[in-house]
Amino acid sequence: MTAHAAALRTGTGTGTGAEPDPEQLLARTALGDEQAFAVLYDQLAGPIFGTVLAVLRSRAHAEEVTQEVLLEIWRKAATFDAGRGRVRTWALTIAHRRAIDRVRSEQSAADRQDRADRLDLRRPYDDVTETMLGRLDRAQVRAALAALTELQRESILLAYFQGYTCREVSEKLGVAIGTVKTRMRDGLIRLRDALGVHR
C-alpha cells in the first residue's frame, strides 16, 4: 500500500486495510481532493503507461503521454459518468486514444518533413535561366556572374553548374537555406537583367 493510500485510508476511518476503489477516489478528485488523486494516480499510472507503451513503443513518448493522460483525468474527473463503465476502463480508453493521437501527430510531422525534404532535393529550377545559361556565350555569363555578390555567385554556381540542391548549397556555404534561396533568386534576377534576357 502506498503512503498516499495509507494516509487516505486512515482519514476515512474504515479500518478495513483495503485501498479505496478508483470510483471513490475519482469522485473525491472531482471535488478537488489532491490526496485522493495522488492515490488514484498511484493506482492508474502503471496500467496507463503499459497501454500507451504498447502503442507508441517508445518509453520516453509513453512517459510523456502517460502524464498527459493523468492530467486529463484530473481535469475531467467531474465529467466521469459511472453509469457508462468503470474508472479504470475510462482511464485506459483515454490513454489509448491519446497514444493513437500521438502516433498520428508524429506521422503527420514526419510526412510534412518528408515532403519538405523532397522539395529541397529538387534542383532549383528556373526555366528562363536554364535556357539563358544554355545559349549565351560563356564570356557573357562569366562577366554577368562577376557582377553578383559573392554569396549570390557561389549559390548559383553550385546549384546551376554543379547540380547541388538548395539544402546542399546551404550546408556547403554554412548559410541558412532561406538565405541561400533569397540570394539565388536575387542573383538570377540580376543575371537576367545583365544579360538582357526577360520573361
N, C-alpha and C. Protein backbone atom coordinates (compact mmCIF):
# COMPACT_ATOMS: atom_id res chain seq x y z
N MET A 1 0.85 -1.19 0.00
CA MET A 1 0.00 0.00 0.00
C MET A 1 0.89 1.25 0.00
N THR A 2 0.57 2.23 -0.82
CA THR A 2 1.38 3.44 -0.87
C THR A 2 1.11 4.30 0.35
N ALA A 3 2.05 5.24 0.58
CA ALA A 3 1.88 6.17 1.70
C ALA A 3 0.61 6.99 1.52
N HIS A 4 0.33 7.37 0.23
CA HIS A 4 -0.89 8.14 -0.04
C HIS A 4 -2.12 7.33 0.34
N ALA A 5 -2.12 6.05 -0.06
CA ALA A 5 -3.28 5.21 0.22
C ALA A 5 -3.45 5.00 1.71
N ALA A 6 -2.32 4.81 2.44
CA ALA A 6 -2.40 4.60 3.88
C ALA A 6 -2.98 5.84 4.57
N ALA A 7 -2.50 7.01 4.13
CA ALA A 7 -3.00 8.25 4.74
C ALA A 7 -4.47 8.44 4.44
N LEU A 8 -4.86 8.13 3.20
CA LEU A 8 -6.26 8.31 2.82
C LEU A 8 -7.15 7.32 3.57
N ARG A 9 -6.68 6.07 3.70
CA ARG A 9 -7.48 5.06 4.41
C ARG A 9 -7.64 5.46 5.86
N THR A 10 -6.54 5.96 6.45
CA THR A 10 -6.62 6.40 7.84
C THR A 10 -7.62 7.54 7.97
N GLY A 11 -7.62 8.40 6.97
CA GLY A 11 -8.55 9.53 7.00
C GLY A 11 -10.00 9.09 6.86
N THR A 12 -10.23 7.97 6.20
CA THR A 12 -11.62 7.54 6.01
C THR A 12 -12.16 6.83 7.24
N GLY A 13 -11.24 6.27 8.04
CA GLY A 13 -11.65 5.60 9.26
C GLY A 13 -12.35 4.28 9.02
N THR A 14 -12.10 3.63 7.84
CA THR A 14 -12.77 2.37 7.56
C THR A 14 -12.16 1.23 8.34
N GLY A 15 -10.81 1.28 8.52
CA GLY A 15 -10.12 0.25 9.26
C GLY A 15 -10.10 -1.09 8.56
N THR A 16 -10.48 -1.17 7.29
CA THR A 16 -10.51 -2.45 6.58
C THR A 16 -9.16 -2.83 6.02
N GLY A 17 -8.25 -1.86 5.88
CA GLY A 17 -6.94 -2.14 5.30
C GLY A 17 -6.94 -2.15 3.78
N ALA A 18 -8.09 -2.02 3.16
CA ALA A 18 -8.17 -2.03 1.69
C ALA A 18 -8.03 -0.61 1.15
N GLU A 19 -7.38 -0.51 -0.01
CA GLU A 19 -7.29 0.80 -0.68
C GLU A 19 -8.67 1.20 -1.17
N PRO A 20 -8.97 2.48 -1.14
CA PRO A 20 -10.24 2.94 -1.71
C PRO A 20 -10.29 2.58 -3.19
N ASP A 21 -11.48 2.31 -3.70
CA ASP A 21 -11.55 1.94 -5.12
C ASP A 21 -11.49 3.19 -6.00
N PRO A 22 -11.13 3.00 -7.27
CA PRO A 22 -10.96 4.13 -8.18
C PRO A 22 -12.21 5.01 -8.29
N GLU A 23 -13.39 4.40 -8.20
CA GLU A 23 -14.62 5.19 -8.30
C GLU A 23 -14.73 6.20 -7.16
N GLN A 24 -14.41 5.73 -5.93
CA GLN A 24 -14.44 6.64 -4.78
C GLN A 24 -13.38 7.73 -4.93
N LEU A 25 -12.21 7.30 -5.34
CA LEU A 25 -11.10 8.26 -5.48
C LEU A 25 -11.40 9.31 -6.54
N LEU A 26 -11.98 8.89 -7.66
CA LEU A 26 -12.28 9.86 -8.71
C LEU A 26 -13.37 10.83 -8.26
N ALA A 27 -14.34 10.32 -7.52
CA ALA A 27 -15.40 11.20 -7.01
C ALA A 27 -14.81 12.27 -6.09
N ARG A 28 -13.85 11.86 -5.27
CA ARG A 28 -13.20 12.84 -4.38
C ARG A 28 -12.28 13.77 -5.16
N THR A 29 -11.64 13.22 -6.20
CA THR A 29 -10.79 14.05 -7.06
C THR A 29 -11.62 15.14 -7.72
N ALA A 30 -12.84 14.78 -8.14
CA ALA A 30 -13.73 15.74 -8.79
C ALA A 30 -14.06 16.91 -7.88
N LEU A 31 -13.95 16.68 -6.56
CA LEU A 31 -14.20 17.75 -5.58
C LEU A 31 -12.94 18.52 -5.24
N GLY A 32 -11.85 18.18 -5.93
CA GLY A 32 -10.59 18.89 -5.70
C GLY A 32 -9.69 18.26 -4.66
N ASP A 33 -9.96 17.02 -4.27
CA ASP A 33 -9.17 16.33 -3.25
C ASP A 33 -7.87 15.83 -3.87
N GLU A 34 -6.78 16.54 -3.61
CA GLU A 34 -5.49 16.20 -4.20
C GLU A 34 -4.94 14.90 -3.64
N GLN A 35 -5.21 14.63 -2.37
CA GLN A 35 -4.73 13.39 -1.77
C GLN A 35 -5.40 12.18 -2.43
N ALA A 36 -6.69 12.29 -2.70
CA ALA A 36 -7.41 11.21 -3.38
C ALA A 36 -6.84 11.02 -4.78
N PHE A 37 -6.52 12.12 -5.45
CA PHE A 37 -5.95 11.99 -6.79
C PHE A 37 -4.58 11.34 -6.74
N ALA A 38 -3.80 11.65 -5.70
CA ALA A 38 -2.47 11.04 -5.58
C ALA A 38 -2.59 9.52 -5.48
N VAL A 39 -3.57 9.04 -4.73
CA VAL A 39 -3.78 7.60 -4.62
C VAL A 39 -4.26 7.02 -5.96
N LEU A 40 -5.19 7.73 -6.59
CA LEU A 40 -5.69 7.29 -7.89
C LEU A 40 -4.54 7.26 -8.91
N TYR A 41 -3.69 8.25 -8.84
CA TYR A 41 -2.52 8.32 -9.71
C TYR A 41 -1.68 7.06 -9.54
N ASP A 42 -1.40 6.71 -8.27
CA ASP A 42 -0.60 5.51 -8.00
C ASP A 42 -1.27 4.25 -8.56
N GLN A 43 -2.58 4.19 -8.51
CA GLN A 43 -3.30 3.02 -8.99
C GLN A 43 -3.30 2.92 -10.52
N LEU A 44 -3.40 4.07 -11.19
CA LEU A 44 -3.61 4.06 -12.63
C LEU A 44 -2.35 4.27 -13.48
N ALA A 45 -1.32 4.86 -12.89
CA ALA A 45 -0.13 5.21 -13.69
C ALA A 45 0.47 4.01 -14.41
N GLY A 46 0.61 2.89 -13.71
CA GLY A 46 1.19 1.70 -14.32
C GLY A 46 0.38 1.15 -15.48
N PRO A 47 -0.91 0.90 -15.28
CA PRO A 47 -1.73 0.39 -16.39
C PRO A 47 -1.80 1.37 -17.58
N ILE A 48 -1.86 2.67 -17.27
CA ILE A 48 -1.90 3.66 -18.35
C ILE A 48 -0.60 3.63 -19.13
N PHE A 49 0.51 3.59 -18.42
CA PHE A 49 1.82 3.56 -19.08
C PHE A 49 1.92 2.32 -19.97
N GLY A 50 1.48 1.17 -19.46
CA GLY A 50 1.54 -0.06 -20.25
C GLY A 50 0.72 0.03 -21.52
N THR A 51 -0.46 0.62 -21.41
CA THR A 51 -1.34 0.77 -22.58
C THR A 51 -0.70 1.68 -23.62
N VAL A 52 -0.16 2.79 -23.15
CA VAL A 52 0.44 3.77 -24.06
C VAL A 52 1.71 3.19 -24.70
N LEU A 53 2.53 2.53 -23.90
CA LEU A 53 3.77 1.96 -24.41
C LEU A 53 3.51 0.92 -25.49
N ALA A 54 2.45 0.15 -25.34
CA ALA A 54 2.11 -0.87 -26.32
C ALA A 54 1.82 -0.25 -27.69
N VAL A 55 1.32 0.99 -27.68
CA VAL A 55 1.01 1.67 -28.95
C VAL A 55 2.23 2.42 -29.48
N LEU A 56 2.93 3.14 -28.59
CA LEU A 56 4.00 4.03 -29.05
C LEU A 56 5.35 3.36 -29.20
N ARG A 57 5.62 2.31 -28.43
CA ARG A 57 6.89 1.58 -28.49
C ARG A 57 8.09 2.45 -28.14
N SER A 58 7.86 3.54 -27.46
CA SER A 58 8.95 4.42 -27.03
C SER A 58 8.70 4.80 -25.58
N ARG A 59 9.63 4.46 -24.70
CA ARG A 59 9.45 4.75 -23.28
C ARG A 59 9.32 6.26 -23.04
N ALA A 60 10.16 7.03 -23.70
CA ALA A 60 10.14 8.48 -23.49
C ALA A 60 8.79 9.07 -23.89
N HIS A 61 8.29 8.67 -25.06
CA HIS A 61 6.99 9.18 -25.51
C HIS A 61 5.87 8.65 -24.63
N ALA A 62 6.00 7.38 -24.22
CA ALA A 62 4.96 6.78 -23.38
C ALA A 62 4.88 7.49 -22.03
N GLU A 63 6.03 7.84 -21.46
CA GLU A 63 6.03 8.56 -20.18
C GLU A 63 5.37 9.92 -20.33
N GLU A 64 5.67 10.59 -21.43
CA GLU A 64 5.09 11.92 -21.68
C GLU A 64 3.57 11.83 -21.83
N VAL A 65 3.12 10.87 -22.63
CA VAL A 65 1.68 10.72 -22.87
C VAL A 65 0.98 10.27 -21.59
N THR A 66 1.62 9.42 -20.80
CA THR A 66 1.04 8.98 -19.52
C THR A 66 0.75 10.18 -18.63
N GLN A 67 1.69 11.11 -18.57
CA GLN A 67 1.49 12.32 -17.76
C GLN A 67 0.33 13.15 -18.31
N GLU A 68 0.23 13.22 -19.63
CA GLU A 68 -0.87 13.97 -20.25
C GLU A 68 -2.22 13.33 -19.90
N VAL A 69 -2.25 12.00 -19.92
CA VAL A 69 -3.49 11.28 -19.61
C VAL A 69 -3.89 11.52 -18.16
N LEU A 70 -2.94 11.40 -17.25
CA LEU A 70 -3.25 11.60 -15.84
C LEU A 70 -3.70 13.03 -15.57
N LEU A 71 -3.12 13.97 -16.26
CA LEU A 71 -3.55 15.37 -16.14
C LEU A 71 -4.98 15.52 -16.66
N GLU A 72 -5.28 14.84 -17.76
CA GLU A 72 -6.64 14.89 -18.31
C GLU A 72 -7.65 14.29 -17.32
N ILE A 73 -7.25 13.20 -16.66
CA ILE A 73 -8.13 12.57 -15.67
C ILE A 73 -8.40 13.55 -14.52
N TRP A 74 -7.38 14.24 -14.07
CA TRP A 74 -7.54 15.24 -13.00
C TRP A 74 -8.53 16.33 -13.45
N ARG A 75 -8.34 16.81 -14.67
CA ARG A 75 -9.17 17.90 -15.16
C ARG A 75 -10.62 17.47 -15.44
N LYS A 76 -10.78 16.23 -15.89
CA LYS A 76 -12.11 15.78 -16.32
C LYS A 76 -12.79 14.87 -15.30
N ALA A 77 -12.25 14.83 -14.09
CA ALA A 77 -12.82 13.92 -13.08
C ALA A 77 -14.31 14.15 -12.90
N ALA A 78 -14.73 15.39 -12.92
CA ALA A 78 -16.15 15.70 -12.68
C ALA A 78 -17.05 15.27 -13.84
N THR A 79 -16.46 14.98 -15.00
CA THR A 79 -17.29 14.60 -16.15
C THR A 79 -17.49 13.10 -16.25
N PHE A 80 -16.82 12.34 -15.38
CA PHE A 80 -16.93 10.88 -15.45
C PHE A 80 -18.35 10.45 -15.12
N ASP A 81 -18.89 9.55 -15.95
CA ASP A 81 -20.24 9.02 -15.75
C ASP A 81 -20.13 7.56 -15.33
N ALA A 82 -20.37 7.30 -14.04
CA ALA A 82 -20.24 5.94 -13.51
C ALA A 82 -21.20 4.97 -14.18
N GLY A 83 -22.28 5.48 -14.73
CA GLY A 83 -23.25 4.62 -15.40
C GLY A 83 -22.73 4.06 -16.72
N ARG A 84 -21.62 4.60 -17.21
CA ARG A 84 -21.12 4.16 -18.51
C ARG A 84 -19.91 3.23 -18.38
N GLY A 85 -19.50 2.91 -17.18
CA GLY A 85 -18.37 2.00 -17.04
C GLY A 85 -17.54 2.29 -15.82
N ARG A 86 -16.42 1.55 -15.70
CA ARG A 86 -15.52 1.68 -14.56
C ARG A 86 -14.48 2.77 -14.83
N VAL A 87 -13.93 3.31 -13.75
CA VAL A 87 -12.92 4.35 -13.87
C VAL A 87 -11.68 3.83 -14.62
N ARG A 88 -11.26 2.64 -14.28
CA ARG A 88 -10.06 2.09 -14.93
C ARG A 88 -10.28 1.97 -16.44
N THR A 89 -11.44 1.49 -16.84
CA THR A 89 -11.74 1.35 -18.27
C THR A 89 -11.73 2.72 -18.94
N TRP A 90 -12.35 3.69 -18.28
CA TRP A 90 -12.40 5.07 -18.78
C TRP A 90 -10.98 5.62 -18.96
N ALA A 91 -10.15 5.42 -17.93
CA ALA A 91 -8.77 5.92 -17.97
C ALA A 91 -7.97 5.27 -19.09
N LEU A 92 -8.13 3.97 -19.26
CA LEU A 92 -7.37 3.28 -20.30
C LEU A 92 -7.87 3.62 -21.70
N THR A 93 -9.15 3.95 -21.80
CA THR A 93 -9.69 4.41 -23.07
C THR A 93 -9.06 5.76 -23.44
N ILE A 94 -8.98 6.65 -22.46
CA ILE A 94 -8.32 7.95 -22.69
C ILE A 94 -6.88 7.72 -23.10
N ALA A 95 -6.20 6.81 -22.39
CA ALA A 95 -4.79 6.53 -22.67
C ALA A 95 -4.60 6.02 -24.10
N HIS A 96 -5.44 5.10 -24.49
CA HIS A 96 -5.32 4.53 -25.84
C HIS A 96 -5.57 5.60 -26.90
N ARG A 97 -6.60 6.42 -26.66
CA ARG A 97 -6.92 7.49 -27.62
C ARG A 97 -5.76 8.49 -27.74
N ARG A 98 -5.20 8.86 -26.59
CA ARG A 98 -4.07 9.79 -26.60
C ARG A 98 -2.86 9.21 -27.32
N ALA A 99 -2.61 7.93 -27.10
CA ALA A 99 -1.48 7.27 -27.76
C ALA A 99 -1.67 7.25 -29.27
N ILE A 100 -2.89 6.94 -29.71
CA ILE A 100 -3.18 6.93 -31.15
C ILE A 100 -3.03 8.33 -31.72
N ASP A 101 -3.50 9.34 -30.98
CA ASP A 101 -3.35 10.73 -31.43
C ASP A 101 -1.87 11.09 -31.59
N ARG A 102 -1.05 10.62 -30.66
CA ARG A 102 0.39 10.91 -30.73
C ARG A 102 1.00 10.25 -31.96
N VAL A 103 0.61 9.01 -32.23
CA VAL A 103 1.12 8.32 -33.42
C VAL A 103 0.75 9.10 -34.67
N ARG A 104 -0.52 9.52 -34.74
CA ARG A 104 -0.97 10.28 -35.92
C ARG A 104 -0.22 11.60 -36.05
N SER A 105 -0.03 12.28 -34.92
CA SER A 105 0.67 13.55 -34.93
C SER A 105 2.12 13.38 -35.39
N GLU A 106 2.78 12.34 -34.86
CA GLU A 106 4.17 12.07 -35.24
C GLU A 106 4.24 11.72 -36.74
N GLN A 107 3.27 10.95 -37.21
CA GLN A 107 3.27 10.56 -38.62
C GLN A 107 3.04 11.77 -39.52
N SER A 108 2.12 12.66 -39.09
CA SER A 108 1.87 13.88 -39.87
C SER A 108 3.12 14.74 -39.95
N ALA A 109 3.81 14.88 -38.81
CA ALA A 109 5.03 15.68 -38.79
C ALA A 109 6.09 15.05 -39.69
N ALA A 110 6.20 13.72 -39.63
CA ALA A 110 7.18 13.03 -40.47
C ALA A 110 6.83 13.19 -41.95
N ASP A 111 5.53 13.12 -42.27
CA ASP A 111 5.10 13.29 -43.66
C ASP A 111 5.40 14.70 -44.16
N ARG A 112 5.14 15.70 -43.29
CA ARG A 112 5.43 17.09 -43.69
C ARG A 112 6.93 17.28 -43.94
N GLN A 113 7.75 16.71 -43.05
CA GLN A 113 9.20 16.83 -43.22
C GLN A 113 9.65 16.12 -44.48
N ASP A 114 9.06 14.96 -44.74
CA ASP A 114 9.42 14.20 -45.94
C ASP A 114 9.09 14.99 -47.20
N ARG A 115 7.89 15.63 -47.19
CA ARG A 115 7.52 16.45 -48.35
C ARG A 115 8.48 17.62 -48.52
N ALA A 116 8.84 18.25 -47.40
CA ALA A 116 9.78 19.38 -47.47
C ALA A 116 11.14 18.92 -47.97
N ASP A 117 11.59 17.75 -47.48
CA ASP A 117 12.88 17.24 -47.93
C ASP A 117 12.86 16.91 -49.41
N ARG A 118 11.72 16.35 -49.89
CA ARG A 118 11.64 16.02 -51.31
C ARG A 118 11.68 17.29 -52.16
N LEU A 119 11.04 18.35 -51.68
CA LEU A 119 11.08 19.61 -52.42
C LEU A 119 12.50 20.15 -52.46
N ASP A 120 13.20 20.05 -51.32
CA ASP A 120 14.57 20.56 -51.26
C ASP A 120 15.54 19.73 -52.08
N LEU A 121 15.17 18.46 -52.32
CA LEU A 121 16.06 17.61 -53.11
C LEU A 121 16.01 17.95 -54.59
N ARG A 122 14.93 18.63 -54.99
CA ARG A 122 14.86 19.03 -56.39
C ARG A 122 15.84 20.17 -56.64
N ARG A 123 16.50 20.13 -57.76
CA ARG A 123 17.41 21.21 -58.09
C ARG A 123 16.60 22.48 -58.32
N PRO A 124 17.08 23.64 -57.81
CA PRO A 124 16.34 24.87 -58.05
C PRO A 124 16.13 25.07 -59.56
N TYR A 125 14.91 25.35 -59.93
CA TYR A 125 14.59 25.37 -61.35
C TYR A 125 14.01 26.70 -61.76
N ASP A 126 14.55 27.23 -62.78
CA ASP A 126 14.04 28.48 -63.36
C ASP A 126 14.21 28.30 -64.86
N ASP A 127 13.12 28.07 -65.57
CA ASP A 127 13.24 27.69 -66.98
C ASP A 127 13.87 28.78 -67.83
N VAL A 128 13.59 30.06 -67.54
CA VAL A 128 14.20 31.14 -68.31
C VAL A 128 15.70 31.15 -68.10
N THR A 129 16.11 30.98 -66.84
CA THR A 129 17.54 31.00 -66.54
C THR A 129 18.23 29.80 -67.17
N GLU A 130 17.59 28.61 -67.10
CA GLU A 130 18.18 27.42 -67.71
C GLU A 130 18.42 27.65 -69.20
N THR A 131 17.41 28.20 -69.87
CA THR A 131 17.53 28.45 -71.31
C THR A 131 18.62 29.47 -71.59
N MET A 132 18.63 30.52 -70.78
CA MET A 132 19.60 31.60 -70.95
C MET A 132 21.02 31.09 -70.79
N LEU A 133 21.26 30.33 -69.73
CA LEU A 133 22.61 29.85 -69.46
C LEU A 133 23.06 28.85 -70.52
N GLY A 134 22.08 28.18 -71.14
CA GLY A 134 22.42 27.20 -72.15
C GLY A 134 22.82 27.81 -73.48
N ARG A 135 22.32 29.00 -73.80
CA ARG A 135 22.55 29.51 -75.15
C ARG A 135 23.48 30.73 -75.22
N LEU A 136 23.73 31.37 -74.09
CA LEU A 136 24.56 32.57 -74.15
C LEU A 136 26.05 32.23 -74.16
N ASP A 137 26.80 33.14 -74.64
CA ASP A 137 28.24 33.00 -74.70
C ASP A 137 28.82 32.92 -73.28
N ARG A 138 29.77 31.99 -73.10
CA ARG A 138 30.35 31.79 -71.78
C ARG A 138 30.98 33.07 -71.22
N ALA A 139 31.58 33.85 -72.06
CA ALA A 139 32.23 35.08 -71.61
C ALA A 139 31.20 36.06 -71.05
N GLN A 140 30.04 36.12 -71.72
CA GLN A 140 28.96 36.99 -71.24
C GLN A 140 28.48 36.54 -69.85
N VAL A 141 28.31 35.23 -69.73
CA VAL A 141 27.82 34.69 -68.46
C VAL A 141 28.84 34.95 -67.35
N ARG A 142 30.14 34.73 -67.65
CA ARG A 142 31.17 34.97 -66.64
C ARG A 142 31.18 36.43 -66.20
N ALA A 143 31.03 37.32 -67.15
CA ALA A 143 31.03 38.76 -66.83
C ALA A 143 29.82 39.11 -65.96
N ALA A 144 28.66 38.53 -66.30
CA ALA A 144 27.46 38.80 -65.52
C ALA A 144 27.58 38.22 -64.11
N LEU A 145 28.16 37.02 -64.02
CA LEU A 145 28.36 36.40 -62.69
C LEU A 145 29.30 37.22 -61.83
N ALA A 146 30.30 37.82 -62.46
CA ALA A 146 31.28 38.61 -61.71
C ALA A 146 30.62 39.83 -61.06
N ALA A 147 29.49 40.27 -61.60
CA ALA A 147 28.81 41.45 -61.07
C ALA A 147 27.95 41.12 -59.84
N LEU A 148 27.78 39.84 -59.56
CA LEU A 148 26.95 39.44 -58.42
C LEU A 148 27.75 39.51 -57.12
N THR A 149 27.01 39.48 -56.00
CA THR A 149 27.70 39.38 -54.71
C THR A 149 28.32 38.00 -54.62
N GLU A 150 29.26 37.82 -53.73
CA GLU A 150 29.95 36.54 -53.61
C GLU A 150 28.97 35.41 -53.27
N LEU A 151 28.04 35.68 -52.33
CA LEU A 151 27.09 34.64 -51.94
C LEU A 151 26.14 34.29 -53.08
N GLN A 152 25.70 35.32 -53.82
CA GLN A 152 24.83 35.06 -54.97
C GLN A 152 25.56 34.21 -56.00
N ARG A 153 26.78 34.61 -56.30
CA ARG A 153 27.56 33.90 -57.32
C ARG A 153 27.84 32.45 -56.90
N GLU A 154 28.29 32.26 -55.67
CA GLU A 154 28.60 30.91 -55.20
C GLU A 154 27.36 30.02 -55.21
N SER A 155 26.23 30.58 -54.76
CA SER A 155 24.99 29.81 -54.71
C SER A 155 24.56 29.37 -56.10
N ILE A 156 24.61 30.30 -57.05
CA ILE A 156 24.19 29.98 -58.42
C ILE A 156 25.14 29.00 -59.08
N LEU A 157 26.42 29.18 -58.88
CA LEU A 157 27.40 28.26 -59.48
C LEU A 157 27.21 26.85 -58.94
N LEU A 158 27.03 26.74 -57.63
CA LEU A 158 26.86 25.41 -57.03
C LEU A 158 25.57 24.75 -57.50
N ALA A 159 24.48 25.54 -57.58
CA ALA A 159 23.18 24.97 -57.92
C ALA A 159 23.04 24.68 -59.41
N TYR A 160 23.40 25.66 -60.26
CA TYR A 160 23.13 25.52 -61.68
C TYR A 160 24.25 24.86 -62.48
N PHE A 161 25.48 25.00 -61.99
CA PHE A 161 26.59 24.45 -62.75
C PHE A 161 27.13 23.16 -62.15
N GLN A 162 26.91 22.96 -60.84
CA GLN A 162 27.40 21.74 -60.21
C GLN A 162 26.28 20.83 -59.72
N GLY A 163 25.04 21.27 -59.87
CA GLY A 163 23.91 20.39 -59.59
C GLY A 163 23.54 20.19 -58.13
N TYR A 164 24.04 21.05 -57.24
CA TYR A 164 23.69 20.91 -55.82
C TYR A 164 22.25 21.36 -55.57
N THR A 165 21.61 20.76 -54.57
CA THR A 165 20.28 21.21 -54.15
C THR A 165 20.44 22.44 -53.26
N CYS A 166 19.33 23.13 -53.00
CA CYS A 166 19.39 24.30 -52.10
C CYS A 166 19.91 23.90 -50.72
N ARG A 167 19.45 22.75 -50.24
CA ARG A 167 19.90 22.29 -48.92
C ARG A 167 21.40 22.02 -48.92
N GLU A 168 21.89 21.42 -49.99
CA GLU A 168 23.33 21.12 -50.08
C GLU A 168 24.15 22.40 -50.20
N VAL A 169 23.63 23.37 -50.97
CA VAL A 169 24.31 24.67 -51.07
C VAL A 169 24.38 25.32 -49.70
N SER A 170 23.25 25.27 -48.98
CA SER A 170 23.18 25.84 -47.64
C SER A 170 24.23 25.22 -46.73
N GLU A 171 24.33 23.90 -46.76
CA GLU A 171 25.30 23.21 -45.90
C GLU A 171 26.73 23.52 -46.32
N LYS A 172 26.96 23.56 -47.63
CA LYS A 172 28.32 23.80 -48.15
C LYS A 172 28.81 25.20 -47.80
N LEU A 173 27.90 26.17 -47.87
CA LEU A 173 28.30 27.55 -47.60
C LEU A 173 28.13 27.94 -46.13
N GLY A 174 27.48 27.07 -45.36
CA GLY A 174 27.26 27.39 -43.95
C GLY A 174 26.29 28.54 -43.74
N VAL A 175 25.29 28.61 -44.61
CA VAL A 175 24.31 29.70 -44.57
C VAL A 175 22.92 29.09 -44.50
N ALA A 176 21.99 29.76 -43.82
CA ALA A 176 20.62 29.25 -43.72
C ALA A 176 20.01 29.05 -45.10
N ILE A 177 19.21 28.00 -45.22
CA ILE A 177 18.64 27.66 -46.54
C ILE A 177 17.76 28.78 -47.08
N GLY A 178 17.04 29.48 -46.19
CA GLY A 178 16.21 30.60 -46.64
C GLY A 178 17.06 31.71 -47.25
N THR A 179 18.22 31.95 -46.65
CA THR A 179 19.14 32.98 -47.16
C THR A 179 19.66 32.58 -48.53
N VAL A 180 20.01 31.30 -48.67
CA VAL A 180 20.50 30.81 -49.96
C VAL A 180 19.45 31.02 -51.04
N LYS A 181 18.20 30.64 -50.74
CA LYS A 181 17.13 30.77 -51.74
C LYS A 181 16.91 32.23 -52.13
N THR A 182 16.95 33.12 -51.13
CA THR A 182 16.75 34.54 -51.41
C THR A 182 17.88 35.10 -52.26
N ARG A 183 19.11 34.78 -51.87
CA ARG A 183 20.27 35.28 -52.63
C ARG A 183 20.28 34.72 -54.05
N MET A 184 19.89 33.46 -54.19
CA MET A 184 19.86 32.85 -55.51
C MET A 184 18.82 33.52 -56.39
N ARG A 185 17.64 33.76 -55.80
CA ARG A 185 16.58 34.42 -56.57
C ARG A 185 17.02 35.83 -57.00
N ASP A 186 17.58 36.58 -56.04
CA ASP A 186 18.03 37.94 -56.36
C ASP A 186 19.15 37.91 -57.41
N GLY A 187 20.04 36.93 -57.26
CA GLY A 187 21.15 36.81 -58.21
C GLY A 187 20.66 36.48 -59.61
N LEU A 188 19.65 35.59 -59.71
CA LEU A 188 19.12 35.23 -61.02
C LEU A 188 18.44 36.42 -61.69
N ILE A 189 17.77 37.23 -60.88
CA ILE A 189 17.13 38.44 -61.44
C ILE A 189 18.21 39.37 -61.99
N ARG A 190 19.29 39.54 -61.23
CA ARG A 190 20.39 40.41 -61.69
C ARG A 190 21.05 39.84 -62.94
N LEU A 191 21.19 38.53 -62.96
CA LEU A 191 21.78 37.88 -64.15
C LEU A 191 20.93 38.12 -65.38
N ARG A 192 19.62 37.91 -65.26
CA ARG A 192 18.73 38.11 -66.40
C ARG A 192 18.81 39.56 -66.90
N ASP A 193 18.83 40.50 -65.94
CA ASP A 193 18.91 41.91 -66.32
C ASP A 193 20.24 42.21 -67.03
N ALA A 194 21.32 41.67 -66.45
CA ALA A 194 22.65 41.94 -67.02
C ALA A 194 22.80 41.34 -68.42
N LEU A 195 22.16 40.20 -68.64
CA LEU A 195 22.31 39.52 -69.93
C LEU A 195 21.20 39.88 -70.91
N GLY A 196 20.28 40.71 -70.46
CA GLY A 196 19.21 41.16 -71.35
C GLY A 196 18.20 40.07 -71.69
N VAL A 197 18.03 39.13 -70.79
CA VAL A 197 17.05 38.06 -71.00
C VAL A 197 15.84 38.37 -70.14
N HIS A 198 14.69 38.43 -70.74
CA HIS A 198 13.47 38.77 -69.99
C HIS A 198 12.42 37.68 -70.22
N ARG A 199 11.50 37.56 -69.24
CA ARG A 199 10.42 36.57 -69.37
C ARG A 199 9.46 37.00 -70.47
